[in-house]
């Protein structure tokens, strides 16, 4: 994980982006103080499938009960 100064990062941004895309984490610093981390965005893995989490979330009957008056007033 290399640490580079801002000036070096500005002049070599394309190279640093290429390094990050290869999986290497790059830290950009001002002086000796690290400021930001350059890392690739995560790629989406596959398509979303509706209903794939069916049965994992349980909602009790109290969810459907009316809210107390004080909470309703706070929302208005």
C-alpha atoms as a PDB file:
ATOM      1  CA  UNK A   1       0.000   0.000   0.000  1.00  0.00           C
ATOM      2  CA  UNK A   2       2.016   2.977  -1.243  1.00  0.00           C
ATOM      3  CA  UNK A   3       1.574   6.447   0.217  1.00  0.00           C
ATOM      4  CA  UNK A   4       2.101   9.316  -2.210  1.00  0.00           C
ATOM      5  CA  UNK A   5       1.989  13.074  -1.797  1.00  0.00           C
ATOM      6  CA  UNK A   6      -0.664  15.178  -3.524  1.00  0.00           C
ATOM      7  CA  UNK A   7       1.737  16.638  -6.112  1.00  0.00           C
ATOM      8  CA  UNK A   8       2.913  13.164  -7.124  1.00  0.00           C
ATOM      9  CA  UNK A   9      -0.705  11.967  -7.266  1.00  0.00           C
ATOM     10  CA  UNK A  10      -1.705  14.854  -9.565  1.00  0.00           C
ATOM     11  CA  UNK A  11       1.109  14.180 -12.003  1.00  0.00           C
ATOM     12  CA  UNK A  12       0.717  10.376 -11.944  1.00  0.00           C
ATOM     13  CA  UNK A  13      -3.036   9.951 -11.502  1.00  0.00           C
ATOM     14  CA  UNK A  14      -3.450   7.541 -14.431  1.00  0.00           C
ATOM     15  CA  UNK A  15      -0.750   5.222 -13.066  1.00  0.00           C
ATOM     16  CA  UNK A  16      -2.203   5.346  -9.559  1.00  0.00           C
ATOM     17  CA  UNK A  17      -5.670   4.534 -10.897  1.00  0.00           C
ATOM     18  CA  UNK A  18      -4.223   1.574 -12.792  1.00  0.00           C
ATOM     19  CA  UNK A  19      -2.562   0.341  -9.598  1.00  0.00           C
ATOM     20  CA  UNK A  20      -5.834   0.676  -7.692  1.00  0.00           C
ATOM     21  CA  UNK A  21      -7.719  -1.212 -10.407  1.00  0.00           C
ATOM     22  CA  UNK A  22      -5.219  -4.047 -10.053  1.00  0.00           C
ATOM     23  CA  UNK A  23      -6.212  -4.312  -6.392  1.00  0.00           C
ATOM     24  CA  UNK A  24      -3.498  -2.225  -4.788  1.00  0.00           C
ATOM     25  CA  UNK A  25      -4.644   0.360  -2.257  1.00  0.00           C
ATOM     26  CA  UNK A  26      -3.050   3.803  -2.694  1.00  0.00           C
ATOM     27  CA  UNK A  27      -2.980   6.438   0.075  1.00  0.00           C
ATOM     28  CA  UNK A  28      -2.701  10.105  -0.889  1.00  0.00           C
ATOM     29  CA  UNK A  29      -1.186  12.375   1.762  1.00  0.00           C
ATOM     30  CA  UNK A  30      -0.570  16.061   2.359  1.00  0.00           C
ATOM     31  CA  UNK A  31       2.897  16.173   3.833  1.00  0.00           C
ATOM     32  CA  UNK A  32       3.041  13.277   6.283  1.00  0.00           C
ATOM     33  CA  UNK A  33      -0.714  13.263   6.987  1.00  0.00           C
ATOM     34  CA  UNK A  34      -2.740  10.663   5.012  1.00  0.00           C
ATOM     35  CA  UNK A  35      -5.882  12.230   3.516  1.00  0.00           C
ATOM     36  CA  UNK A  36      -7.620   9.809   1.157  1.00  0.00           C
ATOM     37  CA  UNK A  37      -7.548   6.211   0.006  1.00  0.00           C
ATOM     38  CA  UNK A  38      -7.707   5.384  -3.700  1.00  0.00           C
ATOM     39  CA  UNK A  39      -9.343   2.029  -4.302  1.00  0.00           C
ATOM     40  CA  UNK A  40     -11.438   0.514  -7.093  1.00  0.00           C
ATOM     41  CA  UNK A  41     -15.217   0.426  -6.915  1.00  0.00           C
ATOM     42  CA  UNK A  42     -16.697  -2.969  -6.285  1.00  0.00           C
ATOM     43  CA  UNK A  43     -18.274  -4.533  -9.320  1.00  0.00           C
ATOM     44  CA  UNK A  44     -21.784  -5.876  -9.068  1.00  0.00           C
ATOM     45  CA  UNK A  45     -21.814  -9.630  -8.885  1.00  0.00           C
ATOM     46  CA  UNK A  46     -24.712 -11.052 -10.840  1.00  0.00           C
ATOM     47  CA  UNK A  47     -28.299  -9.981 -11.195  1.00  0.00           C
ATOM     48  CA  UNK A  48     -30.659  -9.264  -8.325  1.00  0.00           C
ATOM     49  CA  UNK A  49     -33.291 -11.939  -7.936  1.00  0.00           C
ATOM     50  CA  UNK A  50     -36.657 -10.831  -6.499  1.00  0.00           C
ATOM     51  CA  UNK A  51     -37.707 -12.968  -3.559  1.00  0.00           C
ATOM     52  CA  UNK A  52     -34.243 -14.339  -2.856  1.00  0.00           C
ATOM     53  CA  UNK A  53     -34.505 -13.360   0.842  1.00  0.00           C
ATOM     54  CA  UNK A  54     -38.053 -14.635   1.295  1.00  0.00           C
ATOM     55  CA  UNK A  55     -38.544 -16.061   4.763  1.00  0.00           C
ATOM     56  CA  UNK A  56     -35.537 -14.331   6.350  1.00  0.00           C
ATOM     57  CA  UNK A  57     -37.442 -11.298   7.671  1.00  0.00           C
ATOM     58  CA  UNK A  58     -40.123 -11.780  10.298  1.00  0.00           C
ATOM     59  CA  UNK A  59     -42.704  -9.034  10.918  1.00  0.00           C
ATOM     60  CA  UNK A  60     -44.786  -9.466  14.039  1.00  0.00           C
ATOM     61  CA  UNK A  61     -48.461  -8.492  14.357  1.00  0.00           C
ATOM     62  CA  UNK A  62     -47.526  -5.425  16.454  1.00  0.00           C
ATOM     63  CA  UNK A  63     -46.136  -3.835  13.285  1.00  0.00           C
ATOM     64  CA  UNK A  64     -49.673  -3.398  11.963  1.00  0.00           C
ATOM     65  CA  UNK A  65     -51.096  -1.859  15.155  1.00  0.00           C
ATOM     66  CA  UNK A  66     -51.845   1.895  15.104  1.00  0.00           C
ATOM     67  CA  UNK A  67     -49.164   4.226  16.439  1.00  0.00           C
ATOM     68  CA  UNK A  68     -49.703   5.871  19.842  1.00  0.00           C
ATOM     69  CA  UNK A  69     -51.187   9.392  19.721  1.00  0.00           C
ATOM     70  CA  UNK A  70     -47.983  11.090  20.955  1.00  0.00           C
ATOM     71  CA  UNK A  71     -45.953   9.535  18.099  1.00  0.00           C
ATOM     72  CA  UNK A  72     -48.594  10.540  15.541  1.00  0.00           C
ATOM     73  CA  UNK A  73     -48.511  14.120  16.807  1.00  0.00           C
ATOM     74  CA  UNK A  74     -44.703  14.181  16.600  1.00  0.00           C
ATOM     75  CA  UNK A  75     -44.895  13.218  12.918  1.00  0.00           C
ATOM     76  CA  UNK A  76     -47.265  16.058  12.023  1.00  0.00           C
END
